[in-house]
N, C-alpha and C. Protein backbone atom coordinates (compact mmCIF):
# COMPACT_ATOMS: atom_id res chain seq x y z
N MET A 1 -39.02 12.11 3.10
CA MET A 1 -39.33 10.71 3.25
C MET A 1 -40.63 10.35 2.55
N ILE A 2 -41.68 11.07 2.85
CA ILE A 2 -42.98 10.77 2.26
C ILE A 2 -42.95 10.98 0.75
N ASP A 3 -42.16 11.96 0.29
CA ASP A 3 -42.05 12.22 -1.15
C ASP A 3 -41.43 11.04 -1.90
N LYS A 4 -40.53 10.30 -1.23
CA LYS A 4 -39.92 9.12 -1.86
C LYS A 4 -40.98 8.09 -2.25
N PHE A 5 -42.10 8.11 -1.53
CA PHE A 5 -43.13 7.10 -1.71
C PHE A 5 -44.40 7.64 -2.37
N ASN A 6 -44.33 8.78 -2.99
CA ASN A 6 -45.50 9.39 -3.65
C ASN A 6 -46.65 9.61 -2.66
N GLY A 7 -46.32 9.91 -1.42
CA GLY A 7 -47.34 10.22 -0.44
C GLY A 7 -47.40 9.22 0.70
N ILE A 8 -48.16 9.59 1.69
CA ILE A 8 -48.27 8.80 2.92
C ILE A 8 -48.92 7.44 2.70
N PHE A 9 -49.86 7.34 1.77
CA PHE A 9 -50.55 6.08 1.53
C PHE A 9 -49.57 4.98 1.14
N TYR A 10 -48.69 5.24 0.18
CA TYR A 10 -47.75 4.22 -0.28
C TYR A 10 -46.67 3.93 0.76
N LEU A 11 -46.31 4.93 1.56
CA LEU A 11 -45.39 4.69 2.65
C LEU A 11 -46.01 3.74 3.67
N ILE A 12 -47.27 3.94 3.99
CA ILE A 12 -47.97 3.06 4.93
C ILE A 12 -48.09 1.64 4.37
N VAL A 13 -48.42 1.52 3.09
CA VAL A 13 -48.50 0.19 2.45
C VAL A 13 -47.14 -0.50 2.51
N PHE A 14 -46.09 0.26 2.21
CA PHE A 14 -44.72 -0.26 2.27
C PHE A 14 -44.41 -0.77 3.68
N LEU A 15 -44.72 0.04 4.69
CA LEU A 15 -44.44 -0.33 6.08
C LEU A 15 -45.25 -1.55 6.51
N ILE A 16 -46.53 -1.60 6.17
CA ILE A 16 -47.37 -2.75 6.53
C ILE A 16 -46.83 -4.02 5.89
N HIS A 17 -46.50 -3.95 4.61
CA HIS A 17 -45.99 -5.12 3.90
C HIS A 17 -44.73 -5.66 4.55
N PHE A 18 -43.77 -4.77 4.79
CA PHE A 18 -42.50 -5.25 5.30
C PHE A 18 -42.52 -5.50 6.81
N LEU A 19 -43.47 -4.94 7.53
CA LEU A 19 -43.66 -5.33 8.93
C LEU A 19 -44.18 -6.76 9.01
N ALA A 20 -45.03 -7.14 8.06
CA ALA A 20 -45.48 -8.53 8.00
C ALA A 20 -44.30 -9.45 7.71
N TYR A 21 -43.41 -9.03 6.81
CA TYR A 21 -42.20 -9.81 6.55
C TYR A 21 -41.37 -9.94 7.83
N ALA A 22 -41.23 -8.84 8.58
CA ALA A 22 -40.45 -8.87 9.82
C ALA A 22 -41.07 -9.82 10.83
N PHE A 23 -42.40 -9.82 10.92
CA PHE A 23 -43.11 -10.71 11.83
C PHE A 23 -42.80 -12.17 11.50
N TYR A 24 -42.92 -12.55 10.23
CA TYR A 24 -42.68 -13.94 9.85
C TYR A 24 -41.20 -14.30 9.91
N ALA A 25 -40.33 -13.34 9.64
CA ALA A 25 -38.89 -13.60 9.80
C ALA A 25 -38.58 -13.92 11.25
N TYR A 26 -39.12 -13.12 12.15
CA TYR A 26 -38.90 -13.36 13.57
C TYR A 26 -39.45 -14.73 13.99
N ARG A 27 -40.66 -15.03 13.57
CA ARG A 27 -41.27 -16.31 13.95
C ARG A 27 -40.46 -17.49 13.43
N CYS A 28 -40.00 -17.39 12.18
CA CYS A 28 -39.26 -18.50 11.58
C CYS A 28 -37.85 -18.65 12.14
N LEU A 29 -37.20 -17.53 12.45
CA LEU A 29 -35.80 -17.58 12.85
C LEU A 29 -35.57 -17.62 14.36
N PHE A 30 -36.36 -16.90 15.12
CA PHE A 30 -36.08 -16.75 16.54
C PHE A 30 -37.14 -17.36 17.45
N ASP A 31 -38.29 -17.67 16.89
CA ASP A 31 -39.36 -18.31 17.65
C ASP A 31 -39.74 -19.61 16.94
N THR A 32 -38.71 -20.28 16.46
CA THR A 32 -38.88 -21.44 15.58
C THR A 32 -39.68 -22.56 16.24
N ARG A 33 -39.33 -22.90 17.46
CA ARG A 33 -40.00 -24.02 18.13
C ARG A 33 -41.51 -23.76 18.27
N ALA A 34 -41.88 -22.55 18.68
CA ALA A 34 -43.30 -22.21 18.81
C ALA A 34 -43.98 -22.20 17.45
N PHE A 35 -43.28 -21.73 16.43
CA PHE A 35 -43.82 -21.71 15.07
C PHE A 35 -44.10 -23.13 14.60
N LEU A 36 -43.14 -24.01 14.82
CA LEU A 36 -43.32 -25.42 14.42
C LEU A 36 -44.46 -26.07 15.19
N LYS A 37 -44.51 -25.80 16.48
CA LYS A 37 -45.58 -26.39 17.31
C LYS A 37 -46.94 -25.88 16.87
N GLN A 38 -47.02 -24.60 16.54
CA GLN A 38 -48.30 -24.02 16.11
C GLN A 38 -48.90 -24.76 14.92
N TYR A 39 -48.04 -25.23 14.03
CA TYR A 39 -48.52 -25.90 12.82
C TYR A 39 -48.38 -27.42 12.86
N GLY A 40 -48.04 -27.96 14.03
CA GLY A 40 -47.96 -29.41 14.18
C GLY A 40 -46.78 -30.02 13.43
N MET A 41 -45.68 -29.27 13.33
CA MET A 41 -44.50 -29.78 12.65
C MET A 41 -43.49 -30.30 13.67
N ASP A 42 -42.72 -31.26 13.26
CA ASP A 42 -41.67 -31.82 14.08
C ASP A 42 -40.46 -30.87 14.11
N ASP A 43 -39.63 -31.00 15.15
CA ASP A 43 -38.44 -30.17 15.28
C ASP A 43 -37.48 -30.32 14.10
N THR A 44 -37.57 -31.43 13.39
CA THR A 44 -36.66 -31.64 12.26
C THR A 44 -36.95 -30.67 11.11
N ALA A 45 -38.06 -29.96 11.16
CA ALA A 45 -38.37 -28.96 10.14
C ALA A 45 -37.73 -27.61 10.43
N ALA A 46 -36.99 -27.51 11.55
CA ALA A 46 -36.41 -26.23 11.96
C ALA A 46 -35.44 -25.66 10.93
N ILE A 47 -34.61 -26.48 10.36
CA ILE A 47 -33.62 -25.97 9.40
C ILE A 47 -34.32 -25.35 8.19
N MET A 48 -35.31 -26.04 7.65
CA MET A 48 -36.01 -25.50 6.48
C MET A 48 -36.87 -24.28 6.85
N THR A 49 -37.41 -24.27 8.06
CA THR A 49 -38.18 -23.11 8.52
C THR A 49 -37.27 -21.90 8.63
N ARG A 50 -36.09 -22.10 9.16
CA ARG A 50 -35.13 -20.99 9.25
C ARG A 50 -34.61 -20.58 7.88
N PHE A 51 -34.45 -21.53 6.99
CA PHE A 51 -34.07 -21.20 5.61
C PHE A 51 -35.13 -20.29 4.99
N TYR A 52 -36.39 -20.64 5.16
CA TYR A 52 -37.49 -19.85 4.65
C TYR A 52 -37.50 -18.46 5.28
N GLY A 53 -37.31 -18.40 6.59
CA GLY A 53 -37.29 -17.12 7.29
C GLY A 53 -36.14 -16.22 6.86
N SER A 54 -35.02 -16.82 6.51
CA SER A 54 -33.87 -16.03 6.08
C SER A 54 -34.15 -15.27 4.78
N MET A 55 -35.04 -15.79 3.97
CA MET A 55 -35.41 -15.08 2.74
C MET A 55 -36.12 -13.76 3.06
N PHE A 56 -36.90 -13.77 4.10
CA PHE A 56 -37.55 -12.53 4.54
C PHE A 56 -36.52 -11.50 4.99
N VAL A 57 -35.48 -11.95 5.68
CA VAL A 57 -34.47 -11.04 6.19
C VAL A 57 -33.75 -10.33 5.05
N GLY A 58 -33.41 -11.06 4.01
CA GLY A 58 -32.77 -10.43 2.85
C GLY A 58 -33.63 -9.34 2.26
N SER A 59 -34.90 -9.61 2.11
CA SER A 59 -35.83 -8.60 1.57
C SER A 59 -35.99 -7.43 2.54
N LEU A 60 -35.99 -7.71 3.83
CA LEU A 60 -36.09 -6.64 4.83
C LEU A 60 -34.88 -5.71 4.77
N PHE A 61 -33.69 -6.27 4.65
CA PHE A 61 -32.50 -5.43 4.52
C PHE A 61 -32.58 -4.52 3.30
N MET A 62 -32.99 -5.11 2.17
CA MET A 62 -33.11 -4.30 0.95
C MET A 62 -34.19 -3.25 1.09
N ALA A 63 -35.33 -3.61 1.66
CA ALA A 63 -36.43 -2.66 1.83
C ALA A 63 -36.00 -1.51 2.74
N GLY A 64 -35.31 -1.83 3.81
CA GLY A 64 -34.81 -0.79 4.71
C GLY A 64 -33.84 0.14 4.03
N TYR A 65 -32.94 -0.43 3.26
CA TYR A 65 -31.96 0.38 2.53
C TYR A 65 -32.64 1.27 1.50
N ILE A 66 -33.50 0.66 0.69
CA ILE A 66 -34.20 1.40 -0.37
C ILE A 66 -35.10 2.48 0.22
N GLY A 67 -35.83 2.15 1.24
CA GLY A 67 -36.82 3.06 1.78
C GLY A 67 -36.28 4.15 2.68
N PHE A 68 -35.19 3.87 3.39
CA PHE A 68 -34.79 4.80 4.43
C PHE A 68 -33.34 5.25 4.39
N VAL A 69 -32.49 4.61 3.59
CA VAL A 69 -31.08 4.97 3.56
C VAL A 69 -30.67 5.50 2.20
N ARG A 70 -31.05 4.83 1.17
CA ARG A 70 -30.64 5.15 -0.21
C ARG A 70 -31.05 6.58 -0.56
N PRO A 71 -30.10 7.39 -1.02
CA PRO A 71 -30.41 8.79 -1.34
C PRO A 71 -31.53 8.96 -2.37
N ASN A 72 -31.58 8.08 -3.35
CA ASN A 72 -32.61 8.17 -4.40
C ASN A 72 -33.90 7.46 -4.02
N GLY A 73 -33.96 6.90 -2.84
CA GLY A 73 -35.16 6.20 -2.40
C GLY A 73 -35.51 5.03 -3.30
N VAL A 74 -36.74 4.99 -3.75
CA VAL A 74 -37.22 3.85 -4.54
C VAL A 74 -36.95 3.98 -6.03
N GLU A 75 -36.31 5.06 -6.43
CA GLU A 75 -36.06 5.27 -7.86
C GLU A 75 -35.24 4.13 -8.45
N ALA A 76 -35.70 3.63 -9.59
CA ALA A 76 -35.02 2.59 -10.37
C ALA A 76 -34.83 1.29 -9.57
N THR A 77 -35.79 0.94 -8.76
CA THR A 77 -35.71 -0.30 -7.97
C THR A 77 -36.75 -1.32 -8.42
N TRP A 78 -37.10 -1.28 -9.69
CA TRP A 78 -38.15 -2.15 -10.23
C TRP A 78 -37.82 -3.63 -9.99
N ALA A 79 -36.55 -3.99 -10.11
CA ALA A 79 -36.18 -5.40 -9.97
C ALA A 79 -36.53 -5.91 -8.57
N PHE A 80 -36.25 -5.13 -7.56
CA PHE A 80 -36.56 -5.53 -6.19
C PHE A 80 -38.06 -5.68 -6.00
N PHE A 81 -38.83 -4.68 -6.39
CA PHE A 81 -40.28 -4.72 -6.18
C PHE A 81 -40.93 -5.85 -6.99
N ASN A 82 -40.45 -6.07 -8.20
CA ASN A 82 -41.02 -7.15 -9.01
C ASN A 82 -40.64 -8.52 -8.47
N LEU A 83 -39.42 -8.66 -7.94
CA LEU A 83 -39.02 -9.93 -7.34
C LEU A 83 -39.89 -10.23 -6.12
N VAL A 84 -40.10 -9.24 -5.27
CA VAL A 84 -40.94 -9.44 -4.08
C VAL A 84 -42.38 -9.79 -4.51
N PHE A 85 -42.88 -9.11 -5.55
CA PHE A 85 -44.22 -9.44 -6.05
C PHE A 85 -44.28 -10.90 -6.50
N LEU A 86 -43.30 -11.34 -7.28
CA LEU A 86 -43.30 -12.72 -7.77
C LEU A 86 -43.16 -13.73 -6.64
N GLN A 87 -42.34 -13.41 -5.63
CA GLN A 87 -42.22 -14.30 -4.48
C GLN A 87 -43.55 -14.44 -3.75
N ASN A 88 -44.22 -13.31 -3.53
CA ASN A 88 -45.51 -13.34 -2.84
C ASN A 88 -46.55 -14.09 -3.67
N LEU A 89 -46.57 -13.84 -4.96
CA LEU A 89 -47.53 -14.50 -5.84
C LEU A 89 -47.31 -16.01 -5.85
N CYS A 90 -46.05 -16.44 -5.96
CA CYS A 90 -45.76 -17.87 -5.95
C CYS A 90 -46.12 -18.49 -4.60
N SER A 91 -45.87 -17.77 -3.52
CA SER A 91 -46.25 -18.26 -2.20
C SER A 91 -47.75 -18.46 -2.11
N PHE A 92 -48.50 -17.50 -2.63
CA PHE A 92 -49.96 -17.60 -2.64
C PHE A 92 -50.43 -18.79 -3.48
N ILE A 93 -49.91 -18.92 -4.69
CA ILE A 93 -50.33 -19.99 -5.60
C ILE A 93 -50.03 -21.37 -5.01
N PHE A 94 -48.82 -21.56 -4.50
CA PHE A 94 -48.46 -22.87 -3.98
C PHE A 94 -49.13 -23.17 -2.65
N ALA A 95 -49.41 -22.15 -1.85
CA ALA A 95 -50.17 -22.38 -0.62
C ALA A 95 -51.60 -22.78 -0.96
N PHE A 96 -52.19 -22.12 -1.93
CA PHE A 96 -53.54 -22.46 -2.37
C PHE A 96 -53.57 -23.90 -2.89
N TRP A 97 -52.59 -24.24 -3.71
CA TRP A 97 -52.49 -25.59 -4.27
C TRP A 97 -52.35 -26.62 -3.14
N SER A 98 -51.50 -26.32 -2.15
CA SER A 98 -51.31 -27.26 -1.04
C SER A 98 -52.59 -27.47 -0.26
N HIS A 99 -53.32 -26.40 -0.01
CA HIS A 99 -54.55 -26.51 0.80
C HIS A 99 -55.69 -27.13 0.01
N GLN A 100 -55.83 -26.77 -1.25
CA GLN A 100 -57.01 -27.15 -2.01
C GLN A 100 -56.85 -28.42 -2.84
N LYS A 101 -55.68 -28.67 -3.35
CA LYS A 101 -55.51 -29.79 -4.28
C LYS A 101 -54.65 -30.91 -3.71
N ASN A 102 -53.50 -30.54 -3.20
CA ASN A 102 -52.51 -31.53 -2.80
C ASN A 102 -52.72 -32.02 -1.37
N HIS A 103 -53.16 -31.16 -0.49
CA HIS A 103 -53.41 -31.45 0.93
C HIS A 103 -52.16 -31.86 1.70
N LEU A 104 -50.98 -31.69 1.11
CA LEU A 104 -49.74 -31.99 1.81
C LEU A 104 -49.50 -30.93 2.87
N GLY A 105 -49.35 -31.34 4.10
CA GLY A 105 -49.11 -30.40 5.20
C GLY A 105 -50.38 -29.82 5.79
N VAL A 106 -51.52 -30.22 5.28
CA VAL A 106 -52.78 -29.70 5.80
C VAL A 106 -53.23 -30.60 6.95
N ASN A 107 -53.41 -29.98 8.10
CA ASN A 107 -53.91 -30.70 9.26
C ASN A 107 -54.80 -29.78 10.07
N GLU A 108 -55.20 -30.24 11.25
CA GLU A 108 -56.12 -29.43 12.07
C GLU A 108 -55.47 -28.16 12.58
N LYS A 109 -54.14 -28.05 12.52
CA LYS A 109 -53.45 -26.87 13.02
C LYS A 109 -53.13 -25.85 11.93
N THR A 110 -53.23 -26.25 10.68
CA THR A 110 -52.93 -25.30 9.62
C THR A 110 -54.14 -24.40 9.38
N SER A 111 -53.87 -23.19 8.98
CA SER A 111 -54.91 -22.18 8.87
C SER A 111 -54.96 -21.62 7.46
N LEU A 112 -56.17 -21.46 6.95
CA LEU A 112 -56.30 -20.80 5.65
C LEU A 112 -55.84 -19.35 5.73
N VAL A 113 -55.99 -18.74 6.90
CA VAL A 113 -55.62 -17.33 7.05
C VAL A 113 -54.13 -17.17 6.79
N GLU A 114 -53.31 -17.89 7.52
CA GLU A 114 -51.87 -17.73 7.33
C GLU A 114 -51.38 -18.45 6.09
N GLY A 115 -52.02 -19.52 5.74
CA GLY A 115 -51.57 -20.29 4.59
C GLY A 115 -51.86 -19.66 3.25
N ILE A 116 -53.04 -19.11 3.10
CA ILE A 116 -53.46 -18.58 1.80
C ILE A 116 -53.75 -17.08 1.85
N ILE A 117 -54.47 -16.64 2.85
CA ILE A 117 -54.92 -15.25 2.87
C ILE A 117 -53.76 -14.28 3.07
N VAL A 118 -52.83 -14.58 3.98
CA VAL A 118 -51.70 -13.67 4.20
C VAL A 118 -50.84 -13.53 2.94
N PRO A 119 -50.45 -14.63 2.27
CA PRO A 119 -49.70 -14.44 1.02
C PRO A 119 -50.51 -13.68 -0.04
N GLY A 120 -51.82 -13.88 -0.06
CA GLY A 120 -52.66 -13.13 -0.99
C GLY A 120 -52.66 -11.64 -0.69
N ILE A 121 -52.77 -11.31 0.59
CA ILE A 121 -52.75 -9.89 0.99
C ILE A 121 -51.38 -9.28 0.68
N LEU A 122 -50.31 -10.00 0.97
CA LEU A 122 -48.97 -9.49 0.66
C LEU A 122 -48.80 -9.27 -0.84
N THR A 123 -49.36 -10.15 -1.64
CA THR A 123 -49.30 -9.99 -3.10
C THR A 123 -50.03 -8.73 -3.53
N VAL A 124 -51.20 -8.50 -2.98
CA VAL A 124 -51.97 -7.30 -3.31
C VAL A 124 -51.23 -6.04 -2.86
N LEU A 125 -50.66 -6.06 -1.66
CA LEU A 125 -49.94 -4.89 -1.16
C LEU A 125 -48.75 -4.53 -2.04
N ILE A 126 -47.97 -5.53 -2.43
CA ILE A 126 -46.80 -5.22 -3.26
C ILE A 126 -47.23 -4.83 -4.67
N ALA A 127 -48.35 -5.37 -5.14
CA ALA A 127 -48.88 -4.95 -6.45
C ALA A 127 -49.29 -3.49 -6.39
N ILE A 128 -49.92 -3.08 -5.30
CA ILE A 128 -50.29 -1.67 -5.11
C ILE A 128 -49.05 -0.80 -5.13
N LEU A 129 -47.99 -1.25 -4.48
CA LEU A 129 -46.75 -0.48 -4.48
C LEU A 129 -46.14 -0.40 -5.88
N CYS A 130 -46.12 -1.51 -6.60
CA CYS A 130 -45.57 -1.50 -7.96
C CYS A 130 -46.34 -0.53 -8.85
N TYR A 131 -47.64 -0.50 -8.70
CA TYR A 131 -48.47 0.40 -9.50
C TYR A 131 -48.31 1.85 -9.04
N GLY A 132 -48.41 2.08 -7.74
CA GLY A 132 -48.39 3.43 -7.22
C GLY A 132 -47.03 4.11 -7.29
N LEU A 133 -45.99 3.31 -7.32
CA LEU A 133 -44.64 3.87 -7.40
C LEU A 133 -44.03 3.71 -8.79
N SER A 134 -44.85 3.31 -9.75
CA SER A 134 -44.34 3.00 -11.09
C SER A 134 -43.58 4.15 -11.74
N ASP A 135 -44.00 5.39 -11.45
CA ASP A 135 -43.28 6.53 -12.04
C ASP A 135 -41.87 6.66 -11.47
N LYS A 136 -41.60 6.07 -10.33
CA LYS A 136 -40.28 6.14 -9.73
C LYS A 136 -39.46 4.87 -9.92
N ILE A 137 -40.09 3.71 -9.73
CA ILE A 137 -39.31 2.48 -9.76
C ILE A 137 -38.95 2.02 -11.17
N TYR A 138 -39.72 2.42 -12.16
CA TYR A 138 -39.46 1.99 -13.53
C TYR A 138 -38.71 3.01 -14.37
N ILE A 139 -37.85 3.82 -13.74
CA ILE A 139 -37.08 4.78 -14.55
C ILE A 139 -35.69 4.27 -14.79
């Protein structure tokens, strides 16, 4: 298992990254009302919140398969890792834009931590994985 990830460090980064995905998937899909209330959103945003959360679930299924089921592990999975990197990067860029320039959706309940810092951290984590696993994922 650890060999699939070039050591324990990259396995831990992988687990942290996708545990964060699992946390937000759960919040968006199964704890929707509390999630909406936390950010001062109306119940009518539930459908789009669940749509957003469902994207996490798709990535979680693939990450679980690649990391723990697939016989070759992460070998030749560059497309998945690069897609997740681009999704995280776009999330970071547009969250930053919303908070700093556009101010759409910014209120007393929105947080820079979850709005900008978490997508930034997720981007860094997946970038670390792309770099650290490059000998395996890019074959």
